[in-house]
Amino acid sequence: MSINNIWLSSNSAAEKLKITERKLSYLRENGLLKPGIHWKSSPYGQRKPWNPEALYNTNLCKQIIKETFSKDKYDLYAA
């Protein structure tokens, strides 16, 4: 994958990560996905400049999602 293609729209990123756009937004809004690393504001024209469209680095997002929602981590709290 070339460096130009690492940033995907919410819709495309959610599809590639196999999660919903709502969950992706939740992860961003709650600080699990860091600005400038996992996501950035789209440089393209915005309809709502106070709420810019986010673009996601799916490779880095995948690592965070895997670490955050790993089955082993939740098994620790099951006892």
Protein backbone atom coordinates (compact mmCIF):
# COMPACT_ATOMS: atom_id res chain seq x y z
CA MET A 1 0.00 0.00 0.00
CA SER A 2 1.45 3.37 -0.95
CA ILE A 3 1.75 6.19 1.55
CA ASN A 4 -0.89 8.19 -0.36
CA ASN A 5 -3.54 5.57 0.36
CA ILE A 6 -3.14 5.11 4.12
CA TRP A 7 -5.77 7.72 5.03
CA LEU A 8 -9.34 6.52 4.43
CA SER A 9 -12.74 8.11 4.95
CA SER A 10 -14.87 7.01 7.91
CA ASN A 11 -16.99 4.78 5.72
CA SER A 12 -14.04 3.08 4.00
CA ALA A 13 -12.04 2.75 7.23
CA ALA A 14 -14.95 1.22 9.12
CA GLU A 15 -15.52 -1.26 6.31
CA LYS A 16 -11.83 -2.22 6.19
CA LEU A 17 -11.64 -2.53 9.99
CA LYS A 18 -14.92 -4.52 10.09
CA ILE A 19 -16.54 -2.17 12.63
CA THR A 20 -19.32 0.39 12.36
CA GLU A 21 -18.71 4.06 11.67
CA ARG A 22 -20.35 4.75 15.03
CA LYS A 23 -17.78 2.61 16.86
CA LEU A 24 -14.95 4.27 14.93
CA SER A 25 -16.28 7.69 15.91
CA TYR A 26 -16.65 6.54 19.52
CA LEU A 27 -13.01 5.42 19.64
CA ARG A 28 -11.89 8.78 18.24
CA GLU A 29 -14.11 10.90 20.49
CA ASN A 30 -13.03 9.00 23.61
CA GLY A 31 -9.32 9.37 22.95
CA LEU A 32 -8.40 5.82 21.99
CA LEU A 33 -7.55 7.00 18.48
CA LYS A 34 -5.10 9.91 18.67
CA PRO A 35 -5.26 12.93 16.34
CA GLY A 36 -2.41 13.12 13.85
CA ILE A 37 -1.54 9.46 14.43
CA HIS A 38 -4.72 7.42 13.96
CA TRP A 39 -6.91 10.11 12.40
CA LYS A 40 -6.73 13.60 10.92
CA SER A 41 -9.15 16.16 9.56
CA SER A 42 -9.80 15.93 5.87
CA PRO A 43 -7.98 18.61 3.85
CA TYR A 44 -10.83 18.74 1.34
CA GLY A 45 -13.67 21.24 1.32
CA GLN A 46 -15.96 20.95 4.33
CA ARG A 47 -19.67 21.59 4.57
CA LYS A 48 -19.39 22.00 8.33
CA PRO A 49 -15.97 23.46 9.23
CA TRP A 50 -16.76 23.10 12.94
CA ASN A 51 -17.22 19.34 12.43
CA PRO A 52 -14.67 18.28 9.78
CA GLU A 53 -14.68 14.86 8.21
CA ALA A 54 -12.07 12.58 9.75
CA LEU A 55 -9.68 10.45 7.74
CA TYR A 56 -8.24 7.33 9.37
CA ASN A 57 -4.92 5.50 9.15
CA THR A 58 -6.41 2.01 9.18
CA ASN A 59 -3.07 0.25 9.77
CA LEU A 60 -2.52 2.07 13.06
CA CYS A 61 -6.21 1.96 14.01
CA LYS A 62 -6.22 -1.81 13.56
CA GLN A 63 -3.41 -2.16 16.11
CA ILE A 64 -5.28 -0.09 18.72
CA ILE A 65 -8.56 -1.93 18.13
CA LYS A 66 -6.78 -5.28 18.46
CA GLU A 67 -5.06 -4.23 21.70
CA THR A 68 -8.16 -2.61 23.19
CA PHE A 69 -10.64 -5.36 22.40
CA SER A 70 -8.46 -8.44 22.63
CA LYS A 71 -10.23 -11.47 24.07
CA ASP A 72 -7.39 -12.13 26.52
CA LYS A 73 -7.77 -8.69 28.06
CA TYR A 74 -11.45 -9.27 28.76
CA ASP A 75 -10.83 -12.74 30.13
CA LEU A 76 -8.86 -11.15 32.99
CA TYR A 77 -12.04 -9.47 34.23
CA ALA A 78 -14.30 -12.50 33.87
CA ALA A 79 -13.21 -14.15 37.12
